Protein backbone atom coordinates (compact mmCIF):
# COMPACT_ATOMS: atom_id res chain seq x y z
CA MET A 1 13.57 14.76 12.20
CA THR A 2 11.18 16.22 14.81
CA TYR A 3 7.92 18.06 14.51
CA THR A 4 7.51 21.55 15.96
CA PRO A 5 4.81 21.37 18.67
CA ARG A 6 2.46 23.99 17.30
CA ARG A 7 -0.81 23.96 15.38
CA SER A 8 -0.20 25.30 11.87
CA ASP A 9 -2.42 24.82 8.87
CA LEU A 10 -0.08 22.11 7.64
CA LEU A 11 -0.20 20.20 10.93
CA ALA A 12 -3.97 20.50 11.01
CA ALA A 13 -4.10 18.99 7.51
CA ILE A 14 -1.88 16.09 8.62
CA ASP A 15 -4.09 15.62 11.67
CA ARG A 16 -7.21 15.36 9.51
CA ARG A 17 -5.54 12.91 7.13
CA LEU A 18 -4.46 10.59 9.93
CA TRP A 19 -7.95 10.54 11.47
CA ARG A 20 -9.54 10.13 8.04
CA ASP A 21 -7.39 7.05 7.41
CA LEU A 22 -9.07 5.43 10.41
CA GLY A 23 -12.57 6.35 9.27
CA PHE A 24 -13.22 9.56 11.23
CA ALA A 25 -14.23 12.88 9.70
CA ASP A 26 -13.02 14.74 12.83
CA PRO A 27 -10.57 13.93 15.66
CA GLU A 28 -12.02 11.60 18.29
CA PRO A 29 -9.56 11.64 21.23
CA ASP A 30 -11.72 9.27 23.31
CA ILE A 31 -10.97 6.47 20.86
CA LEU A 32 -7.17 6.74 21.25
CA PRO A 33 -6.75 4.21 24.13
CA PHE A 34 -8.63 1.62 22.07
CA LEU A 35 -6.30 1.77 19.08
CA PRO A 36 -3.36 -0.14 20.67
CA MET A 37 -5.85 -2.71 21.97
CA LEU A 38 -7.23 -3.33 18.49
CA VAL A 39 -3.74 -3.55 16.95
CA VAL A 40 -2.72 -6.17 19.54
CA ALA A 41 -6.03 -8.05 19.27
CA TRP A 42 -5.60 -8.49 15.50
CA ALA A 43 -1.83 -9.08 15.50
CA ASP A 44 -2.16 -12.83 14.87
CA GLY A 45 -4.95 -12.41 12.30
CA THR A 46 -7.90 -13.30 14.55
CA VAL A 47 -9.63 -11.86 17.61
CA GLY A 48 -10.35 -14.35 20.39
CA VAL A 49 -13.63 -14.39 22.30
CA ALA A 50 -11.97 -13.22 25.53
CA GLU A 51 -10.13 -10.44 23.69
CA ALA A 52 -13.36 -9.20 22.10
CA GLU A 53 -15.18 -9.24 25.44
CA THR A 54 -12.40 -7.20 27.07
CA VAL A 55 -12.48 -4.58 24.33
CA ARG A 56 -16.29 -4.37 24.40
CA GLU A 57 -16.29 -3.96 28.18
CA ARG A 58 -13.88 -1.04 27.92
CA ALA A 59 -15.91 0.47 25.07
CA SER A 60 -19.21 0.36 26.95
CA GLN A 61 -18.53 3.88 28.30
CA LEU A 62 -18.13 5.41 24.85
CA VAL A 63 -20.85 7.29 23.01
CA LEU A 64 -22.86 5.16 20.56
CA PRO A 65 -21.08 6.15 17.30
CA LEU A 66 -17.69 5.30 18.81
CA ARG A 67 -19.00 2.02 20.26
CA GLU A 68 -20.23 1.10 16.79
CA TRP A 69 -16.82 1.96 15.31
CA VAL A 70 -15.10 -0.33 17.84
CA GLU A 71 -17.62 -3.10 17.16
CA ASP A 72 -16.99 -2.88 13.43
CA ARG A 73 -13.24 -3.15 14.05
CA LEU A 74 -13.85 -6.31 16.07
CA ARG A 75 -16.11 -7.88 13.43
CA PHE A 76 -14.07 -7.15 10.31
CA PRO A 77 -10.31 -7.78 9.92
CA PRO A 78 -8.46 -4.47 9.58
CA GLY A 79 -6.56 -3.71 6.43
CA PRO A 80 -2.82 -4.21 5.95
CA TYR A 81 -2.17 -0.56 6.86
CA PHE A 82 -4.03 -0.51 10.18
CA ARG A 83 -1.10 -0.79 12.60
CA TYR A 84 0.88 1.80 10.63
CA GLN A 85 -2.10 4.16 10.63
CA VAL A 86 -2.40 3.74 14.40
CA ALA A 87 1.35 4.20 14.97
CA HIS A 88 1.43 7.33 12.84
CA LEU A 89 -1.58 8.86 14.57
CA MET A 90 -0.21 8.08 18.04
CA SER A 91 3.24 9.48 17.17
CA PHE A 92 1.62 12.63 15.80
CA MET A 93 -0.48 13.09 18.93
CA VAL A 94 2.49 12.59 21.25
CA CYS A 95 4.91 14.79 19.27
CA VAL A 96 2.70 17.55 17.94
CA TRP A 97 -0.45 18.06 19.97
CA HIS A 98 -0.43 21.59 21.33
CA ARG A 99 0.98 22.19 24.79
CA GLU A 100 -2.25 22.71 26.72
CA GLU A 101 -3.39 19.22 25.76
CA ARG A 102 -0.07 17.39 26.30
CA GLY A 103 -1.32 16.08 29.66
CA LYS A 104 -4.33 14.51 27.99
CA THR A 105 -2.16 12.99 25.28
CA LYS A 106 0.11 11.43 27.92
CA HIS A 107 -2.95 9.96 29.64
CA TRP A 108 -4.27 8.53 26.35
CA ALA A 109 -0.89 6.98 25.55
CA GLU A 110 -0.50 5.41 29.00
CA ALA A 111 -4.05 4.08 28.98
CA GLY A 112 -3.58 2.62 25.50
CA GLN A 113 -0.44 0.76 26.56
CA GLU A 114 -2.01 -0.49 29.78
CA TRP A 115 -5.15 -1.77 28.10
CA ALA A 116 -3.23 -3.44 25.28
CA ASP A 117 -0.96 -5.13 27.83
CA ASP A 118 -4.07 -6.37 29.65
CA LEU A 119 -5.10 -8.26 26.51
CA ILE A 120 -1.76 -10.04 26.40
CA GLN A 121 -1.83 -10.89 30.10
CA GLU A 122 -5.38 -12.24 29.89
CA ALA A 123 -4.37 -14.57 27.04
CA GLY A 124 -2.78 -16.83 29.66
CA TRP A 125 0.77 -17.67 30.70
CA LEU A 126 0.96 -20.91 28.66
CA ARG A 127 0.37 -19.15 25.34
CA ARG A 128 2.94 -16.50 26.22
CA VAL A 129 5.56 -19.08 27.28
CA LEU A 130 5.06 -21.15 24.13
CA GLY A 131 5.54 -18.12 21.90
CA GLY A 132 1.93 -17.84 20.79
CA MET A 133 1.87 -14.12 21.58
CA SER A 134 4.97 -13.11 19.60
CA ALA A 135 3.05 -11.00 17.06
CA GLU A 136 1.02 -9.27 19.78
CA ILE A 137 4.10 -8.51 21.89
CA ARG A 138 5.99 -7.24 18.82
CA ASP A 139 3.23 -4.82 17.85
CA LEU A 140 2.77 -3.57 21.41
CA GLU A 141 6.51 -2.91 21.76
CA ALA A 142 6.47 -0.97 18.49
CA LEU A 143 3.60 1.17 19.75
CA ARG A 144 5.42 1.70 23.07
CA ARG A 145 8.40 3.13 21.18
CA VAL A 146 6.03 5.45 19.37
CA MET A 147 4.35 6.70 22.54
CA ASP A 148 7.16 6.60 25.11
CA GLU A 149 10.02 7.87 22.96
CA GLY A 150 8.11 10.07 20.53
CA HIS A 151 9.47 7.78 17.80
CA ILE A 152 8.09 8.74 14.40
CA PRO A 153 7.86 5.73 12.06
CA THR A 154 10.31 5.85 9.16
CA SER A 155 7.59 5.94 6.52
CA ASP A 156 5.99 8.92 8.28
CA ARG A 157 9.30 10.81 8.29
CA LEU A 158 9.76 10.22 4.59
CA TRP A 159 6.18 11.20 3.84
CA ALA A 160 6.68 14.45 5.78
CA LEU A 161 9.79 15.26 3.72
CA ALA A 162 8.00 14.73 0.40
CA ARG A 163 4.51 16.11 1.01
CA GLY A 164 2.83 18.68 -1.19
CA ALA A 165 4.09 21.15 -3.76
CA HIS A 166 6.72 22.68 -1.44
CA ALA A 167 8.42 19.46 -0.43
CA GLU A 168 11.87 19.58 1.12
CA ALA A 169 13.08 16.53 -0.82
CA GLU A 170 12.23 14.65 -4.00
CA PRO A 171 11.43 10.93 -3.87
CA HIS A 172 13.40 8.47 -5.98
CA ARG A 173 12.79 4.78 -6.54
CA VAL A 174 15.77 2.53 -5.80
CA VAL A 175 15.95 -1.15 -6.76
CA ALA A 176 18.70 -3.73 -6.24
CA VAL A 177 18.24 -7.07 -8.03
CA LEU A 178 19.70 -10.50 -7.32
CA PRO A 179 18.67 -13.14 -9.92
CA GLU A 180 18.44 -16.68 -8.52
CA ASN A 181 17.37 -19.14 -11.24
CA GLU A 182 13.57 -18.92 -11.58
CA GLN A 183 13.32 -16.49 -8.67
CA ILE A 184 14.38 -12.85 -8.62
CA ALA A 185 15.20 -11.36 -5.22
CA GLN A 186 14.90 -7.60 -4.92
CA ALA A 187 15.49 -4.84 -2.43
CA VAL A 188 13.03 -2.06 -3.33
CA GLY A 189 12.59 1.26 -1.64
CA ILE A 190 12.36 5.03 -1.72
CA LEU A 191 15.16 7.54 -1.27
CA LEU A 192 14.63 11.19 -0.37
CA GLU A 193 17.69 13.38 -0.74
CA LYS A 194 18.35 16.91 0.49
CA PRO A 195 21.66 18.78 0.36
CA ASP A 196 22.36 17.94 4.01
CA GLU A 197 20.62 14.59 4.57
CA ARG A 198 19.41 11.38 2.93
CA HIS A 199 16.53 9.18 4.05
CA ALA A 200 15.82 5.75 2.58
CA LEU A 201 13.29 3.06 3.36
CA GLY A 202 13.57 -0.38 1.80
CA SER A 203 11.95 -3.80 1.81
CA PHE A 204 12.99 -7.22 0.49
CA VAL A 205 10.63 -8.87 -2.01
CA THR A 206 10.82 -11.73 -4.49
CA ILE A 207 9.47 -12.30 -8.00
CA LEU A 208 8.80 -15.93 -8.83
CA ARG A 209 8.28 -16.78 -12.50
CA ASP A 210 5.68 -19.16 -13.93
CA ASP A 211 3.92 -19.84 -10.65
CA ASP A 212 0.25 -19.03 -10.05
CA LEU A 213 -1.34 -18.04 -6.77
CA ASP A 214 -3.28 -20.63 -4.81
CA GLU A 215 -6.95 -20.17 -5.74
CA ASP A 216 -8.27 -21.18 -2.31
CA ARG A 217 -6.00 -18.60 -0.70
CA VAL A 218 -7.12 -15.90 -3.15
CA ARG A 219 -10.78 -16.77 -2.47
CA HIS A 220 -10.16 -16.57 1.29
CA LEU A 221 -8.43 -13.18 1.09
CA LEU A 222 -11.16 -11.72 -1.12
CA ALA A 223 -13.93 -13.05 1.14
CA ARG A 224 -12.47 -11.51 4.30
CA SER A 225 -11.58 -8.17 2.72
CA GLN A 226 -14.86 -7.09 1.06
CA HIS A 227 -15.21 -4.23 3.56
CA LEU A 228 -11.82 -2.69 2.72
CA ARG A 229 -11.05 0.08 0.27
CA GLU A 230 -9.85 -1.31 -3.04
CA PRO A 231 -6.20 -0.24 -2.74
CA GLU A 232 -5.78 -2.01 0.61
CA ARG A 233 -7.59 -5.08 -0.64
CA TRP A 234 -5.17 -5.45 -3.54
CA ILE A 235 -2.16 -4.94 -1.26
CA LEU A 236 -3.25 -8.06 0.64
CA LEU A 237 -3.04 -9.93 -2.66
CA ALA A 238 0.30 -8.26 -3.44
CA GLN A 239 1.65 -9.67 -0.18
CA GLU A 240 0.45 -13.08 -1.33
CA VAL A 241 2.33 -12.66 -4.63
CA ASN A 242 5.52 -11.85 -2.71
CA ALA A 243 5.04 -14.78 -0.33
CA ARG A 244 5.14 -17.47 -3.03
CA GLY A 245 8.89 -17.52 -3.36
CA ARG A 246 11.45 -19.23 -1.17
CA SER A 247 12.59 -17.31 1.88
CA LEU A 248 15.76 -15.38 1.24
CA THR A 249 18.89 -16.83 2.78
CA ARG A 250 21.12 -14.80 5.07
CA ARG A 251 23.67 -14.59 2.26
CA GLN A 252 21.08 -13.24 -0.20
CA ILE A 253 19.82 -10.67 2.30
CA GLU A 254 23.32 -9.43 3.06
CA GLU A 255 24.19 -9.24 -0.63
CA LEU A 256 20.99 -7.36 -1.41
CA ARG A 257 21.53 -5.06 1.55
CA GLY A 258 24.99 -4.24 0.24
CA LEU A 259 23.77 -3.61 -3.32
CA PHE A 260 20.94 -1.41 -2.07
CA SER A 261 23.23 0.58 0.22
CA VAL A 262 25.59 1.23 -2.70
CA ALA A 263 22.65 2.32 -4.88
CA ILE A 264 21.45 4.91 -2.36
CA GLY A 265 24.93 5.96 -1.27
CA GLY A 266 24.39 5.17 2.40
CA ARG A 267 22.43 3.16 4.94
CA PHE A 268 18.70 2.57 4.87
CA GLU A 269 16.01 1.44 7.27
CA GLU A 270 14.30 -1.83 6.50
CA CYS A 271 10.54 -2.15 6.70
CA GLU A 272 7.78 -4.57 5.86
CA PHE A 273 6.24 -4.55 2.39
CA ALA A 274 2.93 -3.18 3.74
CA GLU A 275 4.60 -0.17 5.37
CA LEU A 276 6.41 0.67 2.14
CA ALA A 277 3.11 0.34 0.24
CA TYR A 278 1.39 2.62 2.78
CA LEU A 279 4.06 5.27 2.22
CA GLU A 280 3.79 4.97 -1.56
CA ASP A 281 0.01 5.41 -1.46
CA ALA A 282 0.41 8.56 0.65
CA LEU A 283 3.11 9.98 -1.63
CA ALA A 284 0.94 9.42 -4.71
CA VAL A 285 -1.99 11.36 -3.25
CA ASP A 286 -0.16 14.01 -1.22
CA ALA A 287 3.07 14.57 -3.17
CA ARG A 288 1.83 13.67 -6.68
CA TRP A 289 4.62 11.13 -7.10
CA MET A 290 4.78 7.45 -7.88
CA SER A 291 7.31 5.10 -9.38
CA TRP A 292 7.25 1.41 -10.21
CA VAL A 293 10.21 -0.72 -11.23
CA PRO A 294 9.25 -4.40 -11.21
CA GLY A 295 12.52 -5.60 -12.71
CA ARG A 296 15.86 -4.32 -13.94
CA ILE A 297 14.68 -2.13 -16.81
CA GLU A 298 10.92 -1.64 -16.71
CA GLU A 299 10.01 1.75 -15.21
CA LEU A 300 6.85 3.78 -14.79
CA ARG A 301 7.29 7.15 -13.06
CA ILE A 302 4.95 10.07 -12.48
CA ASP A 303 6.15 13.15 -10.66
CA ARG A 304 5.88 16.93 -10.77
CA ASP A 305 8.05 17.22 -13.88
CA VAL A 306 7.37 14.29 -16.17
CA VAL A 307 5.30 11.22 -16.87
CA LEU A 308 7.74 8.55 -17.98
CA ARG A 309 7.56 4.94 -19.05
CA THR A 310 10.71 3.33 -20.42
CA GLN A 311 10.26 -0.07 -22.00
CA ALA A 312 8.86 -1.06 -25.37
CA PRO A 313 6.03 -1.33 -26.21
CA GLY A 314 4.29 1.75 -24.86
CA THR A 315 7.28 3.97 -24.13
CA PHE A 316 6.01 7.39 -23.03
CA ASN A 317 7.90 10.54 -22.00
CA VAL A 318 5.88 13.76 -21.71
CA PRO A 319 6.30 16.88 -19.50
CA ARG A 320 3.79 16.76 -16.69
CA ALA A 321 2.33 20.18 -17.56
CA LYS A 322 1.20 18.85 -20.96
CA VAL A 323 -0.46 15.69 -19.66
CA HIS A 324 -4.21 15.10 -19.53
CA ALA A 325 -5.65 12.01 -17.86
CA ASN A 326 -9.07 10.49 -17.31
CA VAL A 327 -10.54 7.21 -16.11
CA ALA A 328 -12.98 4.99 -17.93
CA GLN A 329 -14.52 1.89 -16.42
CA GLN A 330 -14.73 -0.47 -19.34
CA LEU A 331 -16.46 -3.77 -18.85
CA VAL A 332 -15.13 -5.81 -21.72
CA ALA A 333 -16.18 -9.37 -22.37
CA GLY A 334 -14.13 -11.65 -20.14
CA PRO A 335 -14.41 -13.70 -16.96
CA PRO A 336 -17.83 -13.25 -15.33
CA GLY A 337 -17.64 -10.79 -12.45
CA LEU A 338 -14.46 -9.08 -13.62
CA GLY A 339 -14.00 -5.80 -15.49
CA PHE A 340 -11.08 -3.58 -16.41
CA ARG A 341 -10.56 0.01 -15.35
CA VAL A 342 -8.56 2.10 -17.84
CA LEU A 343 -6.48 5.20 -17.06
CA ASN A 344 -5.98 7.16 -20.28
CA ILE A 345 -2.93 9.48 -20.26
CA GLU A 346 -2.41 11.85 -23.20
CA GLY A 347 0.17 14.54 -24.00
CA ASP A 348 2.22 15.92 -26.88
CA GLY A 349 0.42 13.63 -29.30
CA ALA A 350 1.38 10.51 -27.32
CA THR A 351 -1.00 8.21 -25.45
CA LEU A 352 -0.41 5.77 -22.61
CA ARG A 353 -3.29 3.61 -21.45
CA LEU A 354 -3.00 1.68 -18.19
CA ALA A 355 -5.57 -1.02 -17.45
CA SER A 356 -6.21 -2.90 -14.23
CA PRO A 357 -8.76 -5.52 -13.14
CA VAL A 358 -11.71 -4.55 -10.98
CA ILE A 359 -13.92 -7.02 -9.10
CA LEU A 360 -17.56 -6.37 -9.99
CA THR A 361 -19.50 -8.85 -7.88
CA GLU A 362 -19.27 -9.98 -4.27
CA PRO A 363 -18.45 -12.65 -3.41
CA ALA A 364 -15.96 -12.95 -6.25
CA THR A 365 -16.95 -15.46 -8.90
CA ARG A 366 -14.97 -18.65 -9.49
CA GLU A 367 -13.80 -17.23 -12.81
CA THR A 368 -12.62 -13.99 -11.17
CA VAL A 369 -10.63 -15.90 -8.55
CA ALA A 370 -9.03 -18.08 -11.25
CA TRP A 371 -8.10 -15.02 -13.36
CA ILE A 372 -6.48 -13.20 -10.42
CA ALA A 373 -4.58 -16.34 -9.35
CA ARG A 374 -3.26 -16.84 -12.87
CA PHE A 375 -2.51 -13.32 -14.09
CA LEU A 376 -1.72 -11.15 -11.05
CA PRO A 377 1.78 -12.68 -10.68
CA GLU A 378 2.31 -12.21 -14.44
CA MET A 379 1.82 -8.45 -14.00
CA CYS A 380 4.77 -8.39 -11.58
CA ASP A 381 7.10 -10.45 -13.76
CA PRO A 382 9.67 -8.20 -15.49
CA HIS A 383 9.93 -10.68 -18.37
CA THR A 384 6.22 -10.47 -19.22
CA GLN A 385 4.03 -7.56 -20.32
CA LEU A 386 0.31 -8.22 -20.22
CA VAL A 387 -1.75 -6.16 -22.65
CA LEU A 388 -5.51 -5.65 -22.57
CA ASP A 389 -6.94 -5.92 -26.10
CA GLU A 390 -10.39 -4.34 -26.03
CA ASP A 391 -11.35 -5.59 -29.50
CA GLY A 392 -9.54 -8.90 -29.79
CA PRO A 393 -8.51 -11.75 -27.50
CA ARG A 394 -8.95 -9.51 -24.43
CA TRP A 395 -5.46 -9.96 -22.96
CA VAL A 396 -2.14 -10.74 -24.56
CA ALA A 397 1.10 -11.77 -22.89
CA GLU A 398 4.25 -10.45 -24.51
CA VAL A 399 7.20 -12.42 -23.13
CA HIS A 400 10.83 -11.24 -23.13
CA PRO A 401 13.09 -14.29 -22.62
CA GLN A 402 16.04 -11.94 -22.13
CA LEU A 403 15.57 -8.64 -20.35
CA PRO A 404 16.92 -5.80 -22.51
CA SER A 405 20.23 -4.32 -21.44
CA ARG A 406 18.88 -0.76 -21.50
CA PRO A 407 15.54 1.04 -21.78
CA ALA A 408 14.02 1.94 -25.13
CA THR A 409 15.17 5.38 -26.32
CA THR A 410 12.33 6.25 -28.69
CA PRO A 411 8.57 6.17 -28.14
CA GLU A 412 6.88 3.02 -29.35
CA PRO A 413 3.11 3.43 -29.02
CA LEU A 414 0.76 0.58 -28.33
CA LEU A 415 -1.52 -0.64 -31.07
CA PRO A 416 -4.95 1.08 -31.11
CA GLY A 417 -7.40 -0.43 -28.65
CA ARG A 418 -4.72 -1.85 -26.39
CA SER A 419 -3.77 -0.93 -22.83
CA LEU A 420 -0.93 -2.06 -20.60
CA LEU A 421 -2.22 -4.30 -17.81
CA VAL A 422 -0.52 -3.23 -14.58
CA PRO A 423 -1.06 -4.40 -10.99
CA PRO A 424 -3.97 -2.58 -9.32
CA TRP A 425 -1.76 -0.96 -6.68
CA VAL A 426 0.33 0.58 -9.48
CA TRP A 427 -2.82 1.76 -11.25
CA PHE A 428 -4.22 3.44 -8.10
CA ARG A 429 -0.95 5.23 -7.41
CA ALA A 430 -0.68 6.45 -11.00
CA ALA A 431 -4.21 7.87 -10.83
CA GLY A 432 -3.49 9.44 -7.43
CA ALA A 433 -0.24 11.01 -8.64
CA LEU A 434 -2.05 12.49 -11.65
CA GLY A 435 -4.79 13.92 -9.44
CA VAL A 436 -7.51 11.83 -11.12
CA ARG A 437 -10.58 11.50 -8.93
CA PHE A 438 -12.37 8.17 -8.96
CA PHE A 439 -14.33 5.93 -6.65
CA ALA A 440 -12.00 3.54 -4.81
CA GLY A 441 -14.25 2.34 -2.02
CA LYS A 442 -16.48 -0.67 -1.70
CA ARG A 443 -18.38 -1.22 -4.94
CA LYS A 444 -22.15 -1.55 -4.93
CA VAL A 445 -23.13 -3.68 -7.90
CA THR A 446 -26.41 -2.75 -9.54
CA ALA A 447 -28.51 -4.28 -12.29
CA ASP A 448 -27.08 -1.90 -14.90
CA ALA A 449 -23.45 -2.55 -13.92
CA ALA A 450 -22.76 -3.95 -17.36
CA ALA A 451 -23.02 -0.48 -18.92
CA PRO A 452 -19.67 1.31 -19.35
CA THR A 453 -19.19 4.35 -17.12
CA SER A 454 -16.56 7.03 -16.93
CA GLY A 455 -15.29 9.30 -14.20
């Protein structure tokens, strides 16, 4: 798929979205050469003193607001989406920017590659020879493909196919499962199908039963991600949930790849978990679609036609046009520093309430860290359904020793005062797909934070 090099209203909207993702209200072409540098500088998770000095020296010629933006990106670790945001913006600029500015775009791309390569060269030959620069070299090569070949990342192509009300293709969730004792290996992804073409993007993940997260690791991730938007912050923790299991063997990967290919009816492109999450976030907001299948049966789907959840308890199936949804921030008694945000979905006399944890104080309290470490993996376990009980014991785990062979066929409502506890990234996408507006940035805790609010 290629973009037509002209400036339409649609392309202008995409342009604004890509710049907004990086924190700019309007396009800032002067910042473009710095983006590959920042991706490479953070590739191994830290920015060295020499790397920071090189970036600052280059940035000294920028206007003050842009210098401050660069300085912030050096001080605070970027979110899990940063290198995909940069790749998508650079591919858009190279492929789409109108003809009279193509020369400038070429200059920006070449300067970005040259400056990023300077960072790698200045790291020293010994580190390069010993493999210490593998992440940096990998990310720079990926950006080179974007800029030199006009390569559009897979997730961006799929997003373009599914955007807005007049999408060319409908998204579908595809899951292939390979049970391995206490660990479940999965290939998860999104398929977009048109009469003449099929696009699929997939990632390999694992679900490990009865194993908590490491509290020190959770505390570390929360401490270094306070500046991020909530959805990105929780995706960092989602990556930690996926990383607990044993690495998949070559045999498992090949078997999963075969099962997934059969499920989609063709080949697919593999990606990292974070890129798939980035695409899903965009589809929820822009295409009003989301789908979550954590296991073999459990399904939550919201699209233009229907809001569907198949699995007792809480089965829900209502035409989208008859659905009303709102958000209430309910701070029920529980671990200090932790609350629960509830998305209330109503239609045709049925109600589905989705609850998700929200961190109320920074830094996170010891009790908050312990709760996340214990219960976040439980939310991803297809054998377990966590339920928030607003009037009783606060949360209840309903365990299914044997996964049902097929979804429930009739609605089974939750008891009054109970909500399904779902992972935060699922909650955010559901709200985005339903068009519910809410604050998802950095929370500012005030003295009256204990009072319930709604939005």
